[in-house]
Protein backbone atom coordinates (compact mmCIF):
# COMPACT_ATOMS: atom_id res chain seq x y z
CA MET A 1 -31.61 7.68 -37.29
CA ALA A 2 -34.94 6.20 -38.05
CA GLY A 3 -36.16 2.78 -39.21
CA LEU A 4 -39.43 1.14 -40.42
CA THR A 5 -41.19 -1.49 -38.34
CA ARG A 6 -43.24 -4.26 -39.88
CA THR A 7 -46.38 -2.08 -39.39
CA GLY A 8 -44.80 0.68 -41.43
CA THR A 9 -44.47 3.11 -38.58
CA VAL A 10 -41.33 5.07 -38.07
CA ARG A 11 -39.21 4.04 -35.05
CA ALA A 12 -36.58 6.40 -33.77
CA THR A 13 -33.31 4.68 -32.80
CA ILE A 14 -31.53 6.78 -30.21
CA ALA A 15 -29.10 4.24 -28.72
CA PRO A 16 -25.86 3.68 -30.51
CA ARG A 17 -25.08 0.48 -32.32
CA ARG A 18 -23.45 -2.36 -30.49
CA PRO A 19 -19.88 -1.72 -31.85
CA THR A 20 -20.09 1.87 -30.87
CA THR A 21 -21.32 0.89 -27.42
CA TRP A 22 -18.36 -1.45 -26.84
CA LEU A 23 -15.99 1.21 -28.10
CA ILE A 24 -17.27 3.84 -25.67
CA LEU A 25 -17.22 1.25 -22.80
CA GLY A 26 -13.62 0.27 -23.70
CA VAL A 27 -12.39 3.85 -23.75
CA VAL A 28 -14.00 4.63 -20.47
CA GLY A 29 -12.71 1.44 -18.93
CA LEU A 30 -9.15 2.22 -20.07
CA VAL A 31 -9.36 5.62 -18.53
CA PHE A 32 -10.10 4.09 -15.11
CA LEU A 33 -8.06 0.90 -15.46
CA ILE A 34 -4.72 2.41 -16.56
CA PRO A 35 -4.17 4.53 -13.42
CA ILE A 36 -5.29 1.70 -11.18
CA ALA A 37 -3.01 -0.72 -12.93
CA SER A 38 -0.15 1.72 -12.55
CA MET A 39 -0.82 2.01 -8.80
CA VAL A 40 -0.83 -1.81 -8.41
CA ALA A 41 2.44 -2.16 -10.31
CA PHE A 42 3.97 0.69 -8.22
CA THR A 43 3.18 -1.18 -4.99
CA PHE A 44 5.14 -4.23 -6.14
CA ARG A 45 8.16 -2.31 -7.40
CA THR A 46 11.42 -2.50 -5.50
CA SER A 47 14.29 -0.06 -5.34
CA GLY A 48 16.36 -2.37 -7.45
CA GLY A 49 13.85 -2.38 -10.33
CA GLY A 50 12.29 -5.76 -9.61
CA TYR A 51 8.87 -6.70 -8.32
CA ASP A 52 7.98 -8.50 -5.01
CA LEU A 53 5.55 -8.43 -2.12
CA SER A 54 7.89 -6.64 0.34
CA HIS A 55 5.84 -3.44 0.59
CA TRP A 56 2.53 -5.35 1.24
CA VAL A 57 4.29 -7.53 3.89
CA ALA A 58 5.79 -4.30 5.53
CA LEU A 59 2.25 -3.11 6.19
CA VAL A 60 1.51 -5.93 8.57
CA ASP A 61 5.00 -6.37 10.00
CA PRO A 62 4.93 -5.70 13.81
CA ALA A 63 8.35 -3.99 13.54
CA ASN A 64 6.70 -1.18 11.58
CA ALA A 65 3.75 -0.69 14.05
CA GLY A 66 5.05 2.74 15.24
CA LYS A 67 5.78 3.92 11.73
CA TYR A 68 2.31 3.19 10.45
CA ALA A 69 0.47 4.10 13.63
CA PRO A 70 -1.14 7.24 12.14
CA ILE A 71 -2.84 5.07 9.61
CA TRP A 72 -4.65 2.80 12.08
CA LYS A 73 -5.53 5.87 14.17
CA GLY A 74 -6.93 7.61 11.10
CA LEU A 75 -8.91 4.47 10.08
CA GLN A 76 -10.40 4.18 13.48
CA GLY A 77 -11.41 7.86 13.32
CA SER A 78 -12.93 7.36 9.87
CA LEU A 79 -14.92 4.34 11.03
CA VAL A 80 -16.34 6.34 13.93
CA LEU A 81 -17.13 9.10 11.56
CA ALA A 82 -18.84 6.75 9.13
CA LEU A 83 -21.05 5.23 11.95
CA THR A 84 -21.93 8.74 13.21
CA THR A 85 -22.76 10.03 9.76
CA VAL A 86 -24.89 7.06 8.95
CA ALA A 87 -26.78 7.62 12.26
CA ILE A 88 -27.45 11.24 11.26
CA VAL A 89 -28.79 10.04 7.93
CA LEU A 90 -31.05 7.26 9.27
CA PHE A 91 -32.38 9.06 12.41
CA LEU A 92 -32.47 12.66 11.23
CA LEU A 93 -32.73 12.91 7.44
CA ALA A 94 -34.92 9.90 6.72
CA PRO A 95 -37.66 10.71 9.38
CA THR A 96 -37.60 14.38 8.18
CA MET A 97 -38.23 13.20 4.62
CA ILE A 98 -41.00 10.91 5.63
CA LEU A 99 -42.61 13.65 7.77
CA VAL A 100 -42.45 16.09 4.78
CA THR A 101 -43.95 13.49 2.46
CA LEU A 102 -46.87 12.72 4.76
CA ARG A 103 -47.67 16.10 6.48
CA PHE A 104 -45.98 18.89 4.50
CA PRO A 105 -45.87 17.96 0.83
CA LYS A 106 -45.53 21.63 -0.14
CA LEU A 107 -42.10 21.66 1.58
CA ARG A 108 -40.68 18.94 -0.58
CA ARG A 109 -39.09 21.28 -3.10
CA PRO A 110 -37.50 23.58 -0.48
CA LEU A 111 -36.14 20.49 1.28
CA GLU A 112 -34.77 19.12 -1.92
CA PHE A 113 -33.12 22.48 -2.62
CA LEU A 114 -31.47 22.52 0.80
CA CYS A 115 -30.24 18.90 0.53
CA LEU A 116 -28.76 19.37 -2.93
CA LEU A 117 -27.21 22.74 -2.12
CA PRO A 118 -23.88 21.25 -0.82
CA LEU A 119 -23.19 20.02 -4.35
CA SER A 120 -22.66 23.61 -5.48
CA ILE A 121 -20.56 24.60 -2.42
CA PRO A 122 -16.79 23.76 -2.57
CA ALA A 123 -15.48 22.00 0.53
CA ILE A 124 -13.04 24.76 1.28
CA VAL A 125 -15.87 27.32 1.27
CA LEU A 126 -17.88 24.99 3.55
CA VAL A 127 -14.95 24.89 5.93
CA VAL A 128 -14.72 28.73 6.05
CA GLY A 129 -18.33 28.84 7.21
CA LEU A 130 -17.97 25.94 9.64
CA ALA A 131 -14.77 27.15 11.27
CA PRO A 132 -16.42 29.52 13.78
CA ILE A 133 -19.03 26.81 14.62
CA TYR A 134 -16.28 24.28 15.24
CA LEU A 135 -14.47 26.71 17.48
CA SER A 136 -17.50 26.78 19.69
CA ILE A 137 -17.92 22.97 19.42
CA GLY A 138 -14.31 22.51 20.46
CA ARG A 139 -14.80 24.56 23.55
CA THR A 140 -18.08 22.80 24.44
CA VAL A 141 -17.58 19.06 23.66
CA GLY A 142 -13.89 18.87 22.67
CA THR A 143 -12.02 18.44 19.47
CA GLY A 144 -12.51 14.73 18.97
CA VAL A 145 -12.50 13.50 15.39
CA TRP A 146 -16.22 12.42 15.78
CA THR A 147 -17.26 16.08 15.71
CA LEU A 148 -16.49 16.04 11.97
CA ALA A 149 -19.72 14.11 11.56
CA PHE A 150 -21.73 17.27 11.70
CA ALA A 151 -19.81 18.61 8.61
CA TYR A 152 -19.91 15.22 6.92
CA GLY A 153 -23.71 14.99 7.53
CA VAL A 154 -23.93 18.18 5.31
CA THR A 155 -21.57 16.79 2.79
CA VAL A 156 -23.49 13.54 2.20
CA LEU A 157 -26.92 15.17 2.09
CA PRO A 158 -27.26 15.21 -1.71
CA TYR A 159 -26.41 11.55 -2.16
CA ALA A 160 -28.40 10.29 0.78
CA TYR A 161 -31.39 12.39 -0.14
CA ARG A 162 -31.57 11.08 -3.70
CA ALA A 163 -31.24 7.51 -2.56
CA ILE A 164 -33.97 7.77 -0.07
CA GLN A 165 -36.29 9.96 -2.14
CA ALA A 166 -36.12 7.45 -5.04
CA ASN A 167 -37.39 4.77 -2.69
CA LEU A 168 -40.06 6.98 -1.25
CA ASP A 169 -41.37 7.73 -4.77
CA ALA A 170 -41.53 3.97 -5.50
CA ILE A 171 -43.95 3.18 -2.69
CA ASP A 172 -47.29 4.66 -1.53
CA VAL A 173 -46.11 6.05 1.84
CA ARG A 174 -49.43 7.76 2.66
CA THR A 175 -51.52 4.67 2.05
CA LEU A 176 -49.23 2.44 4.06
CA SER A 177 -49.17 4.85 6.99
CA GLU A 178 -52.99 5.44 6.97
CA ALA A 179 -53.56 1.74 6.84
CA ALA A 180 -51.33 1.12 9.84
CA ARG A 181 -52.86 4.00 11.71
CA SER A 182 -56.39 2.71 11.09
CA LEU A 183 -55.35 -0.59 12.60
CA GLY A 184 -54.19 1.09 15.82
CA ALA A 185 -50.46 1.41 15.20
CA GLY A 186 -48.67 4.39 16.76
CA TRP A 187 -46.32 6.61 14.78
CA GLY A 188 -43.35 4.74 16.10
CA SER A 189 -44.69 1.50 14.87
CA VAL A 190 -45.56 3.06 11.55
CA LEU A 191 -42.11 4.41 11.18
CA PHE A 192 -40.08 1.40 12.22
CA ARG A 193 -42.33 -1.55 11.46
CA VAL A 194 -44.16 -0.41 8.31
CA LEU A 195 -42.27 2.22 6.43
CA ALA A 196 -38.60 1.32 7.33
CA PRO A 197 -38.81 -2.25 5.91
CA ASN A 198 -40.37 -0.85 2.67
CA LEU A 199 -37.56 1.76 2.49
CA ARG A 200 -34.67 -0.62 3.33
CA VAL A 201 -33.13 -0.41 -0.14
CA GLY A 202 -33.03 3.44 -0.14
CA LEU A 203 -31.75 3.49 3.54
CA LEU A 204 -29.13 0.90 2.81
CA SER A 205 -28.00 2.74 -0.38
CA ALA A 206 -27.86 6.05 1.50
CA SER A 207 -25.82 4.46 4.29
CA LEU A 208 -23.35 2.74 1.98
CA ILE A 209 -22.83 5.87 -0.09
CA SER A 210 -22.26 7.93 3.14
CA VAL A 211 -19.65 5.50 4.31
CA ALA A 212 -17.81 5.72 0.93
CA VAL A 213 -17.94 9.54 0.97
CA VAL A 214 -16.66 9.64 4.55
CA LEU A 215 -13.87 7.29 3.97
CA GLY A 216 -12.62 9.30 0.95
CA GLU A 217 -12.93 12.82 2.38
CA PHE A 218 -9.70 14.84 2.95
CA THR A 219 -10.26 18.65 2.58
CA ILE A 220 -12.57 19.20 5.58
CA ALA A 221 -10.51 17.09 7.97
CA SER A 222 -7.30 18.69 6.82
CA LEU A 223 -8.42 22.29 7.10
CA LEU A 224 -10.20 21.70 10.50
CA ASN A 225 -7.04 19.87 11.80
CA ARG A 226 -8.67 16.52 12.42
CA GLN A 227 -7.12 13.16 11.63
CA ASN A 228 -9.08 10.67 9.51
CA LEU A 229 -7.89 8.00 7.10
CA GLN A 230 -7.09 10.31 4.13
CA THR A 231 -5.05 12.89 6.26
CA ALA A 232 -3.18 9.90 7.83
CA LEU A 233 -2.32 8.58 4.33
CA PHE A 234 -1.01 12.05 3.46
CA VAL A 235 1.23 12.03 6.55
CA VAL A 236 2.53 8.49 5.90
CA ASN A 237 3.00 9.22 2.25
CA LYS A 238 5.93 11.51 3.15
CA GLN A 239 7.63 8.58 4.81
CA ASP A 240 6.60 5.58 2.72
CA PRO A 241 4.72 6.34 -0.47
CA TYR A 242 4.27 2.62 -1.23
CA VAL A 243 2.08 1.93 1.79
CA ALA A 244 0.05 5.02 1.17
CA VAL A 245 -0.74 3.74 -2.36
CA ILE A 246 -1.55 0.28 -1.03
CA LEU A 247 -4.07 1.70 1.41
CA ALA A 248 -5.50 3.97 -1.27
CA LEU A 249 -6.10 0.87 -3.39
CA LEU A 250 -7.71 -0.98 -0.52
CA ALA A 251 -10.01 2.02 0.09
CA LEU A 252 -10.92 2.14 -3.58
CA LEU A 253 -11.67 -1.57 -3.49
CA PHE A 254 -13.84 -1.14 -0.35
CA ALA A 255 -15.81 1.69 -2.07
CA PHE A 256 -16.29 -0.48 -5.16
CA LEU A 257 -17.65 -3.30 -3.05
CA LEU A 258 -20.08 -0.98 -1.36
CA LEU A 259 -21.37 0.23 -4.70
CA LEU A 260 -21.57 -3.40 -5.88
CA ALA A 261 -23.59 -4.30 -2.75
CA ILE A 262 -25.98 -1.34 -3.50
CA GLY A 263 -26.53 -2.73 -7.03
CA ARG A 264 -27.08 -6.22 -5.83
CA VAL A 265 -29.60 -5.16 -3.25
CA GLY A 266 -31.47 -3.01 -5.76
CA THR A 267 -31.49 -5.80 -8.36
CA ALA A 268 -32.69 -8.42 -5.88
CA THR A 269 -35.51 -6.15 -4.70
CA ALA A 270 -36.64 -5.44 -8.29
CA LEU A 271 -36.63 -9.14 -9.06
CA ARG A 272 -38.60 -9.97 -5.95
CA ARG A 273 -41.18 -7.30 -6.78
CA SER A 274 -41.52 -8.45 -10.42
CA THR A 275 -41.85 -12.14 -9.58
CA PRO A 276 -45.50 -13.04 -9.23
CA ARG A 277 -46.48 -14.73 -6.01
CA LYS A 278 -47.93 -18.22 -6.18
CA ASP A 279 -51.50 -18.74 -5.09
CA PRO A 280 -51.48 -21.02 -2.05
CA THR A 281 -54.81 -22.42 -3.19
């Protein structure tokens, strides 16, 4: 559809009209809200057909501590995995991307291809390839749940790479590093005191997305016989489906809060950059 401006030029209108936009948003919202509302209603339902808070209270009842022990153990394992995976992203992936940007710009496309490759590999295929490696890892360092961080580091590569690369493209990394080096800063100072503060939005986004992915992962942990939050929920679901749904809702809420935090940080940074600084004179 095209319209005429006051100057007589033709202006193409690609965006839909406001009623169409609200209709699309409403349909998409219902697709997400109806299942979530059904899950919430299910957690309040009693065996007699009524609704109360008994299932929510049972989750924190000390008498059920043994029954729900796998959940807390799985949650602890998932938190350890989240911290280890974030460490891999911050101390391995991010410095590698900075090094490629500064010293080896021709390797950016191959690095991007490698980082985005896990998107095209199903988790079950990834496990088949990692099974022999984890057999050796189990013999060397044990079979603790933290060892899943190596596999999760590969799983979160596409999301972490995109978040960090977007921030790298928004700043002049080469100029900042050369200016710092000309003032006598070492590479450690350049990385942690010059580049890292300018990349905090991308690093924070990559970290939060990695945490959300780790907390929701099931296939790799299940096939490699490790216990995390999702495998624990699967076990408890056979005994008490209400508590499993409650914790699934809480995990979904936590992931939503993480994404909201990413959006707030990005918005605050954009506003801070767009706001002109006042001249002290």
